[in-house]
Amino acid sequence: MVLALGAPGTVMSNVGSILVAVMAFRQEPNRLLARWLENKRWRYGSPEFPTDVARNQTVNRFLAEDGEFDHLLMIDADMVPLPDQPDGQRGTDAIFTEPGDILYCGFVGTEGIRGHFGDNDFGAACCRISRAVLESLPPPWFRFPTNAAGTVRTACECAYFRARAARRWPVRMVGIVGHLQPMVLVPSPVGPKAVSPLDIGDIR
């Protein structure tokens, strides 16, 4: 179900037309992401859980209803677009301009754990996938792999997609994106410092 439609302009780049699907999972895009979406053609992706089901529903609708677009760009509502960095690292806008069929922006995982980074990885929280790729892969496009008993997840839905798609299509990280998440501020003699909740341990 479409919950909202953004600016009427279709994003055109040297790679073709791009539809942005904001994966909100029942939350609104943060204000920095909302500003980034201005003048881009976007809508909400599926709000379903788990996230692999939501991504599959979003891809399925894109293929069935959005034939005028060449690429689907999925970005989670807690992602924060970043500018190009002083060290030469491209920011989030690169995902609109760089050529390729499977592109993503690297990001840090929940609570500061390693997320996805580098060309040998893939993260669906900010990714652009061409129609040609999606049409070449039988569904499901995303799935949480588990152990044989189905009791423990062994990887994320991003890894499942990459393992299938990379057999035929190159996967590239073209930029970086921020990840909005809670942090703990700790006082110290030199002022407050931010730490991950994972560094605190159990508080009893």
Protein backbone atom coordinates (compact mmCIF):
# COMPACT_ATOMS: atom_id res chain seq x y z
CA MET A 1 0.00 0.00 0.00
CA VAL A 2 1.31 3.46 -0.87
CA LEU A 3 1.22 5.62 2.24
CA ALA A 4 2.62 8.78 0.66
CA LEU A 5 4.07 10.09 -2.55
CA GLY A 6 6.92 12.53 -2.63
CA ALA A 7 7.79 15.26 -5.09
CA PRO A 8 6.46 14.62 -8.59
CA GLY A 9 9.82 14.80 -10.34
CA THR A 10 11.37 11.53 -11.46
CA VAL A 11 15.03 11.21 -10.57
CA MET A 12 16.97 10.97 -13.82
CA SER A 13 20.67 10.20 -13.91
CA ASN A 14 23.22 8.78 -16.31
CA VAL A 15 21.88 5.34 -15.40
CA GLY A 16 18.18 5.96 -16.09
CA SER A 17 15.16 6.65 -13.93
CA ILE A 18 15.13 5.77 -10.23
CA LEU A 19 12.20 5.18 -7.87
CA VAL A 20 13.02 5.58 -4.19
CA ALA A 21 11.23 3.32 -1.71
CA VAL A 22 11.53 4.45 1.92
CA MET A 23 11.46 1.38 4.14
CA ALA A 24 9.80 2.93 7.17
CA PHE A 25 8.79 -0.18 9.16
CA ARG A 26 6.09 1.91 10.88
CA GLN A 27 8.25 4.98 11.45
CA GLU A 28 8.58 8.30 9.64
CA PRO A 29 11.74 9.23 7.74
CA ASN A 30 14.07 11.30 9.91
CA ARG A 31 14.14 15.00 8.99
CA LEU A 32 17.51 14.81 7.25
CA LEU A 33 16.31 11.95 5.07
CA ALA A 34 13.04 13.80 4.41
CA ARG A 35 15.00 16.81 3.19
CA TRP A 36 17.13 14.57 0.96
CA LEU A 37 13.99 13.14 -0.62
CA GLU A 38 12.82 16.55 -1.85
CA ASN A 39 12.54 16.67 -5.66
CA LYS A 40 12.91 12.90 -5.84
CA ARG A 41 10.17 10.48 -6.83
CA TRP A 42 9.56 8.34 -3.78
CA ARG A 43 6.98 6.44 -1.81
CA TYR A 44 6.89 4.26 1.25
CA GLY A 45 7.83 0.63 0.80
CA SER A 46 5.93 -2.12 2.56
CA PRO A 47 5.60 -1.64 6.36
CA GLU A 48 5.42 -5.38 7.03
CA PHE A 49 7.63 -7.40 9.35
CA PRO A 50 9.99 -9.17 9.20
CA THR A 51 12.15 -6.96 7.00
CA ASP A 52 12.80 -9.61 4.35
CA VAL A 53 9.04 -9.86 3.73
CA ALA A 54 8.78 -6.08 3.48
CA ARG A 55 11.61 -5.90 0.97
CA ASN A 56 10.12 -8.71 -1.11
CA GLN A 57 6.72 -7.00 -1.17
CA THR A 58 8.38 -3.73 -2.24
CA VAL A 59 10.33 -5.42 -5.04
CA ASN A 60 7.25 -7.33 -6.19
CA ARG A 61 5.22 -4.13 -6.46
CA PHE A 62 8.04 -2.33 -8.28
CA LEU A 63 8.20 -5.05 -10.92
CA ALA A 64 4.42 -5.25 -11.31
CA GLU A 65 3.48 -1.57 -11.30
CA ASP A 66 6.46 0.68 -11.95
CA GLY A 67 7.57 -0.19 -15.46
CA GLU A 68 8.64 3.38 -16.22
CA PHE A 69 11.52 3.13 -13.73
CA ASP A 70 14.86 1.44 -14.46
CA HIS A 71 16.07 1.13 -10.86
CA LEU A 72 14.62 0.62 -7.39
CA LEU A 73 16.43 2.44 -4.58
CA MET A 74 15.53 1.20 -1.11
CA ILE A 75 16.54 3.27 1.88
CA ASP A 76 15.53 2.65 5.50
CA ALA A 77 13.85 5.49 7.40
CA ASP A 78 16.67 5.63 9.98
CA MET A 79 19.39 6.23 7.38
CA VAL A 80 20.97 9.72 7.33
CA PRO A 81 22.33 10.89 3.94
CA LEU A 82 25.93 12.10 4.17
CA PRO A 83 27.96 14.49 1.99
CA ASP A 84 31.20 13.58 0.27
CA GLN A 85 33.96 13.25 2.88
CA PRO A 86 37.27 15.17 3.11
CA ASP A 87 39.21 11.91 2.67
CA GLY A 88 37.65 11.37 -0.75
CA GLN A 89 35.00 8.89 0.36
CA ARG A 90 31.82 9.52 -1.61
CA GLY A 91 28.65 10.36 0.27
CA THR A 92 25.12 9.11 -0.24
CA ASP A 93 24.36 11.05 -3.44
CA ALA A 94 26.74 8.72 -5.29
CA ILE A 95 24.03 6.07 -5.32
CA PHE A 96 22.10 8.23 -7.82
CA THR A 97 24.94 8.95 -10.23
CA GLU A 98 27.29 5.97 -10.27
CA PRO A 99 26.72 3.39 -13.03
CA GLY A 100 25.96 -0.20 -12.11
CA ASP A 101 23.19 -2.69 -11.51
CA ILE A 102 23.73 -3.40 -7.79
CA LEU A 103 25.05 -0.52 -5.72
CA TYR A 104 24.89 0.26 -2.02
CA CYS A 105 26.14 2.73 0.56
CA GLY A 106 28.13 1.38 3.49
CA PHE A 107 26.78 1.92 7.01
CA VAL A 108 27.31 1.02 10.65
CA GLY A 109 25.00 -1.56 12.16
CA THR A 110 22.64 -1.27 15.11
CA GLU A 111 24.22 -0.04 18.37
CA GLY A 112 27.59 0.47 16.70
CA ILE A 113 28.26 -3.09 15.55
CA ARG A 114 29.84 -3.61 12.15
CA GLY A 115 27.25 -3.17 9.46
CA HIS A 116 28.07 -3.47 5.78
CA PHE A 117 31.13 -1.94 4.10
CA GLY A 118 33.25 -2.65 1.02
CA ASP A 119 32.79 -4.23 -2.39
CA ASN A 120 32.73 -7.76 -0.91
CA ASP A 121 29.63 -6.91 1.10
CA PHE A 122 26.12 -5.58 0.51
CA GLY A 123 23.63 -3.69 2.66
CA ALA A 124 19.95 -3.38 1.75
CA ALA A 125 19.37 -0.40 4.07
CA CYS A 126 20.58 1.91 1.28
CA CYS A 127 20.81 0.14 -2.05
CA ARG A 128 19.98 0.59 -5.72
CA ILE A 129 19.10 -2.44 -7.83
CA SER A 130 18.27 -2.41 -11.52
CA ARG A 131 15.09 -3.84 -12.94
CA ALA A 132 17.21 -6.22 -15.02
CA VAL A 133 18.71 -7.75 -11.88
CA LEU A 134 15.38 -8.13 -10.10
CA GLU A 135 13.73 -9.68 -13.15
CA SER A 136 16.60 -12.16 -13.51
CA LEU A 137 16.22 -13.55 -9.99
CA PRO A 138 13.29 -15.77 -9.03
CA PRO A 139 11.64 -14.72 -5.76
CA PRO A 140 12.17 -14.46 -2.92
CA TRP A 141 14.77 -11.77 -3.47
CA PHE A 142 15.45 -11.40 0.26
CA ARG A 143 15.36 -13.98 3.02
CA PHE A 144 16.82 -14.49 6.48
CA PRO A 145 18.96 -17.67 6.28
CA THR A 146 18.72 -19.91 9.33
CA ASN A 147 20.26 -23.07 10.68
CA ALA A 148 18.76 -26.42 9.65
CA ALA A 149 16.26 -26.34 12.50
CA GLY A 150 15.12 -22.82 11.64
CA THR A 151 15.83 -21.66 15.18
CA VAL A 152 18.82 -19.34 14.64
CA ARG A 153 19.43 -16.75 11.96
CA THR A 154 22.81 -17.32 10.32
CA ALA A 155 22.94 -14.14 8.21
CA CYS A 156 20.87 -11.11 7.29
CA GLU A 157 18.57 -10.77 4.29
CA CYS A 158 21.26 -8.65 2.61
CA ALA A 159 23.69 -11.58 2.52
CA TYR A 160 21.02 -13.85 1.00
CA PHE A 161 20.39 -11.39 -1.82
CA ARG A 162 24.08 -10.85 -2.50
CA ALA A 163 24.92 -14.56 -2.56
CA ARG A 164 22.44 -15.12 -5.38
CA ALA A 165 22.86 -11.91 -7.34
CA ALA A 166 26.67 -11.76 -7.28
CA ARG A 167 26.93 -14.99 -9.27
CA ARG A 168 26.02 -12.94 -12.33
CA TRP A 169 26.04 -9.24 -11.40
CA PRO A 170 28.86 -7.09 -9.93
CA VAL A 171 28.11 -5.55 -6.53
CA ARG A 172 29.76 -2.26 -5.56
CA MET A 173 29.81 0.04 -2.57
CA VAL A 174 29.69 3.55 -4.05
CA GLY A 175 29.30 5.77 -0.97
CA ILE A 176 28.43 5.87 2.70
CA VAL A 177 25.28 6.69 4.66
CA GLY A 178 24.75 7.46 8.33
CA HIS A 179 22.63 5.35 10.65
CA LEU A 180 20.46 7.21 13.15
CA GLN A 181 20.34 5.27 16.43
CA PRO A 182 20.34 5.85 20.19
CA MET A 183 23.65 6.54 21.89
CA VAL A 184 24.54 6.87 25.56
CA LEU A 185 26.28 10.09 26.67
CA VAL A 186 28.70 9.55 29.54
CA PRO A 187 30.10 12.43 31.64
CA SER A 188 33.86 12.79 32.05
CA PRO A 189 36.33 15.48 33.26
CA VAL A 190 36.86 16.63 29.67
CA GLY A 191 33.18 16.68 28.76
CA PRO A 192 30.57 14.19 27.60
CA LYS A 193 31.50 11.31 25.36
CA ALA A 194 29.27 9.00 23.36
CA VAL A 195 29.43 5.25 23.82
CA SER A 196 27.50 2.36 22.33
CA PRO A 197 24.95 0.67 24.60
CA LEU A 198 26.82 -2.54 23.85
CA ASP A 199 29.85 -1.18 25.73
CA ILE A 200 27.91 -0.68 28.95
CA GLY A 201 27.00 -4.28 29.69
CA ASP A 202 24.25 -5.39 32.05
CA ILE A 203 23.08 -2.86 34.62
CA ARG A 204 21.60 -4.61 37.60
